[in-house]
Amino acid sequence: MIADDRLDEIEERLRDPMVTYKENVTEDAPALVAGYRKVLDLHRPNQIGSHITCMKCRDIYGTQVGYPCETVAAITTALGGAS
C-alpha cells in the first residue's frame, strides 16, 4: 500500500461514525506520527556558517535551500503550527 492509499484509508475511518475515537487514536495516530517523524528526520536543519539550510532539499542548481524548507513548513502548518 502506498502512502496516499493509507492516508485515504485513515481519512475514511475518521469520517466513519461507527469507528470510535479510541480506535482512531490507537490504530492511526501512531502511524501518522511515525510518518511525520521520518519525513522530518530527512529534512533536518544544517548550520552552514550563519545560514541554516535543509539537509535534504536542493534548488535547481543543487544548492541546499533555506530551513525550514517547503516540506517542513507544510508539515508545520498541517499540525497547526506557524510556518
N, C-alpha and C. Protein backbone atom coordinates (compact mmCIF):
# COMPACT_ATOMS: atom_id res chain seq x y z
N MET A 1 0.85 -1.18 0.00
CA MET A 1 0.00 0.00 0.00
C MET A 1 0.90 1.24 0.00
N ILE A 2 0.62 2.17 -0.91
CA ILE A 2 1.41 3.40 -0.95
C ILE A 2 0.83 4.41 0.04
N ALA A 3 1.60 5.43 0.34
CA ALA A 3 1.21 6.40 1.37
C ALA A 3 -0.14 7.06 1.09
N ASP A 4 -0.40 7.45 -0.14
CA ASP A 4 -1.68 8.09 -0.45
C ASP A 4 -2.86 7.16 -0.14
N ASP A 5 -2.70 5.88 -0.46
CA ASP A 5 -3.76 4.91 -0.17
C ASP A 5 -3.99 4.80 1.34
N ARG A 6 -2.90 4.75 2.09
CA ARG A 6 -3.01 4.65 3.55
C ARG A 6 -3.68 5.89 4.12
N LEU A 7 -3.31 7.06 3.63
CA LEU A 7 -3.94 8.30 4.11
C LEU A 7 -5.42 8.32 3.76
N ASP A 8 -5.78 7.85 2.56
CA ASP A 8 -7.20 7.76 2.19
C ASP A 8 -7.95 6.84 3.16
N GLU A 9 -7.33 5.72 3.50
CA GLU A 9 -7.94 4.78 4.43
C GLU A 9 -8.16 5.42 5.81
N ILE A 10 -7.16 6.14 6.28
CA ILE A 10 -7.27 6.81 7.58
C ILE A 10 -8.36 7.88 7.55
N GLU A 11 -8.39 8.68 6.48
CA GLU A 11 -9.43 9.71 6.36
C GLU A 11 -10.82 9.09 6.34
N GLU A 12 -10.96 7.97 5.66
CA GLU A 12 -12.25 7.28 5.60
C GLU A 12 -12.66 6.80 7.00
N ARG A 13 -11.71 6.26 7.74
CA ARG A 13 -12.00 5.81 9.11
C ARG A 13 -12.41 6.99 9.99
N LEU A 14 -11.77 8.13 9.81
CA LEU A 14 -12.10 9.31 10.63
C LEU A 14 -13.52 9.79 10.36
N ARG A 15 -14.01 9.60 9.14
CA ARG A 15 -15.37 10.02 8.78
C ARG A 15 -16.43 8.99 9.17
N ASP A 16 -16.00 7.78 9.43
CA ASP A 16 -16.94 6.70 9.73
C ASP A 16 -17.48 6.84 11.16
N PRO A 17 -18.78 7.09 11.32
CA PRO A 17 -19.34 7.28 12.67
C PRO A 17 -19.30 6.00 13.51
N MET A 18 -19.10 4.85 12.89
CA MET A 18 -19.06 3.59 13.64
C MET A 18 -17.68 3.32 14.24
N VAL A 19 -16.66 4.06 13.80
CA VAL A 19 -15.31 3.89 14.34
C VAL A 19 -15.16 4.87 15.50
N THR A 20 -14.78 4.37 16.64
CA THR A 20 -14.67 5.22 17.82
C THR A 20 -13.40 6.05 17.79
N TYR A 21 -13.43 7.10 18.57
CA TYR A 21 -12.24 7.96 18.71
C TYR A 21 -11.05 7.13 19.19
N LYS A 22 -11.29 6.28 20.16
CA LYS A 22 -10.20 5.45 20.71
C LYS A 22 -9.59 4.56 19.63
N GLU A 23 -10.43 3.98 18.78
CA GLU A 23 -9.91 3.14 17.69
C GLU A 23 -9.04 3.96 16.74
N ASN A 24 -9.49 5.18 16.41
CA ASN A 24 -8.69 6.03 15.52
C ASN A 24 -7.36 6.39 16.16
N VAL A 25 -7.40 6.76 17.42
CA VAL A 25 -6.17 7.18 18.10
C VAL A 25 -5.19 6.02 18.25
N THR A 26 -5.70 4.88 18.69
CA THR A 26 -4.78 3.76 18.96
C THR A 26 -4.27 3.10 17.69
N GLU A 27 -5.03 3.16 16.60
CA GLU A 27 -4.61 2.48 15.38
C GLU A 27 -3.94 3.41 14.37
N ASP A 28 -4.45 4.62 14.24
CA ASP A 28 -3.97 5.50 13.17
C ASP A 28 -2.95 6.55 13.63
N ALA A 29 -3.14 7.10 14.80
CA ALA A 29 -2.25 8.17 15.26
C ALA A 29 -0.79 7.76 15.31
N PRO A 30 -0.45 6.59 15.86
CA PRO A 30 0.97 6.20 15.87
C PRO A 30 1.60 6.13 14.48
N ALA A 31 0.84 5.64 13.51
CA ALA A 31 1.35 5.55 12.14
C ALA A 31 1.57 6.94 11.54
N LEU A 32 0.62 7.84 11.80
CA LEU A 32 0.76 9.21 11.28
C LEU A 32 1.95 9.92 11.91
N VAL A 33 2.11 9.79 13.22
CA VAL A 33 3.23 10.42 13.91
C VAL A 33 4.55 9.85 13.38
N ALA A 34 4.62 8.53 13.23
CA ALA A 34 5.85 7.90 12.73
C ALA A 34 6.18 8.39 11.32
N GLY A 35 5.16 8.53 10.48
CA GLY A 35 5.38 9.03 9.12
C GLY A 35 5.92 10.45 9.12
N TYR A 36 5.30 11.31 9.91
CA TYR A 36 5.79 12.69 10.01
C TYR A 36 7.22 12.72 10.54
N ARG A 37 7.52 11.92 11.55
CA ARG A 37 8.87 11.88 12.12
C ARG A 37 9.90 11.47 11.07
N LYS A 38 9.57 10.46 10.27
CA LYS A 38 10.52 10.00 9.24
C LYS A 38 10.81 11.10 8.22
N VAL A 39 9.77 11.81 7.82
CA VAL A 39 9.96 12.91 6.86
C VAL A 39 10.79 14.02 7.50
N LEU A 40 10.46 14.38 8.74
CA LEU A 40 11.21 15.45 9.41
C LEU A 40 12.65 15.03 9.68
N ASP A 41 12.90 13.73 9.90
CA ASP A 41 14.28 13.26 10.07
C ASP A 41 15.10 13.47 8.80
N LEU A 42 14.46 13.37 7.64
CA LEU A 42 15.15 13.62 6.37
C LEU A 42 15.41 15.10 6.16
N HIS A 43 14.52 15.93 6.65
CA HIS A 43 14.58 17.39 6.42
C HIS A 43 15.05 18.11 7.68
N ARG A 44 16.24 17.74 8.14
CA ARG A 44 16.82 18.34 9.34
C ARG A 44 17.53 19.65 9.00
N PRO A 45 17.61 20.56 9.96
CA PRO A 45 18.37 21.78 9.74
C PRO A 45 19.87 21.50 9.73
N ASN A 46 20.58 22.25 8.92
CA ASN A 46 22.03 22.11 8.78
C ASN A 46 22.65 23.51 8.86
N GLN A 47 23.48 23.74 9.85
CA GLN A 47 24.12 25.05 10.02
C GLN A 47 25.35 25.14 9.12
N ILE A 48 25.34 26.11 8.20
CA ILE A 48 26.49 26.37 7.34
C ILE A 48 26.86 27.84 7.55
N GLY A 49 27.88 28.07 8.34
CA GLY A 49 28.23 29.44 8.69
C GLY A 49 27.08 30.08 9.44
N SER A 50 26.59 31.19 8.93
CA SER A 50 25.47 31.87 9.58
C SER A 50 24.13 31.47 8.97
N HIS A 51 24.14 30.55 8.00
CA HIS A 51 22.92 30.12 7.32
C HIS A 51 22.46 28.76 7.82
N ILE A 52 21.17 28.59 7.91
CA ILE A 52 20.60 27.28 8.25
C ILE A 52 19.87 26.77 7.01
N THR A 53 20.26 25.59 6.56
CA THR A 53 19.69 25.00 5.35
C THR A 53 19.05 23.66 5.68
N CYS A 54 18.28 23.15 4.74
CA CYS A 54 17.67 21.82 4.86
C CYS A 54 18.69 20.78 4.37
N MET A 55 18.85 19.71 5.15
CA MET A 55 19.80 18.66 4.77
C MET A 55 19.40 17.94 3.49
N LYS A 56 18.12 17.91 3.17
CA LYS A 56 17.62 17.11 2.05
C LYS A 56 17.34 17.92 0.78
N CYS A 57 16.78 19.10 0.92
CA CYS A 57 16.28 19.86 -0.23
C CYS A 57 17.39 20.63 -0.95
N ARG A 58 17.26 20.65 -2.26
CA ARG A 58 18.18 21.39 -3.12
C ARG A 58 17.37 22.20 -4.13
N ASP A 59 17.94 23.30 -4.58
CA ASP A 59 17.28 24.06 -5.65
C ASP A 59 17.71 23.47 -7.00
N ILE A 60 17.30 24.11 -8.08
CA ILE A 60 17.60 23.56 -9.41
C ILE A 60 19.10 23.56 -9.73
N TYR A 61 19.88 24.29 -8.94
CA TYR A 61 21.33 24.35 -9.15
C TYR A 61 22.08 23.39 -8.23
N GLY A 62 21.33 22.66 -7.39
CA GLY A 62 21.96 21.71 -6.48
C GLY A 62 22.37 22.31 -5.16
N THR A 63 22.00 23.56 -4.92
CA THR A 63 22.34 24.24 -3.68
C THR A 63 21.28 23.96 -2.62
N GLN A 64 21.72 23.69 -1.39
CA GLN A 64 20.76 23.46 -0.32
C GLN A 64 19.89 24.69 -0.12
N VAL A 65 18.60 24.45 0.14
CA VAL A 65 17.66 25.55 0.35
C VAL A 65 17.58 25.88 1.83
N GLY A 66 17.07 27.07 2.12
CA GLY A 66 16.94 27.52 3.49
C GLY A 66 16.00 26.65 4.31
N TYR A 67 16.21 26.71 5.61
CA TYR A 67 15.39 25.95 6.55
C TYR A 67 14.54 26.91 7.35
N PRO A 68 13.27 26.66 7.54
CA PRO A 68 12.56 25.45 7.15
C PRO A 68 12.26 25.44 5.65
N CYS A 69 12.42 24.26 5.06
CA CYS A 69 12.11 24.07 3.65
C CYS A 69 10.59 24.00 3.47
N GLU A 70 10.13 23.89 2.22
CA GLU A 70 8.69 23.81 1.95
C GLU A 70 8.06 22.59 2.61
N THR A 71 8.79 21.49 2.68
CA THR A 71 8.26 20.27 3.29
C THR A 71 8.02 20.47 4.78
N VAL A 72 9.01 21.00 5.48
CA VAL A 72 8.87 21.24 6.92
C VAL A 72 7.78 22.28 7.17
N ALA A 73 7.73 23.32 6.35
CA ALA A 73 6.70 24.34 6.51
C ALA A 73 5.30 23.74 6.32
N ALA A 74 5.14 22.86 5.33
CA ALA A 74 3.84 22.24 5.08
C ALA A 74 3.42 21.34 6.24
N ILE A 75 4.35 20.57 6.78
CA ILE A 75 4.03 19.72 7.92
C ILE A 75 3.69 20.57 9.15
N THR A 76 4.46 21.62 9.37
CA THR A 76 4.20 22.51 10.50
C THR A 76 2.81 23.11 10.40
N THR A 77 2.43 23.56 9.21
CA THR A 77 1.11 24.14 9.00
C THR A 77 0.02 23.09 9.22
N ALA A 78 0.24 21.89 8.67
CA ALA A 78 -0.75 20.82 8.83
C ALA A 78 -0.97 20.44 10.29
N LEU A 79 0.07 20.58 11.09
CA LEU A 79 -0.03 20.26 12.51
C LEU A 79 -0.50 21.43 13.35
N GLY A 80 -0.82 22.55 12.67
CA GLY A 80 -1.38 23.68 13.39
C GLY A 80 -0.37 24.67 13.93
N GLY A 81 0.89 24.55 13.51
CA GLY A 81 1.92 25.47 13.96
C GLY A 81 2.13 26.59 12.95
N ALA A 82 2.90 27.56 13.35
CA ALA A 82 3.27 28.66 12.46
C ALA A 82 4.38 28.20 11.55
N SER A 83 4.30 28.55 10.28
CA SER A 83 5.36 28.14 9.35
C SER A 83 6.28 29.29 9.03
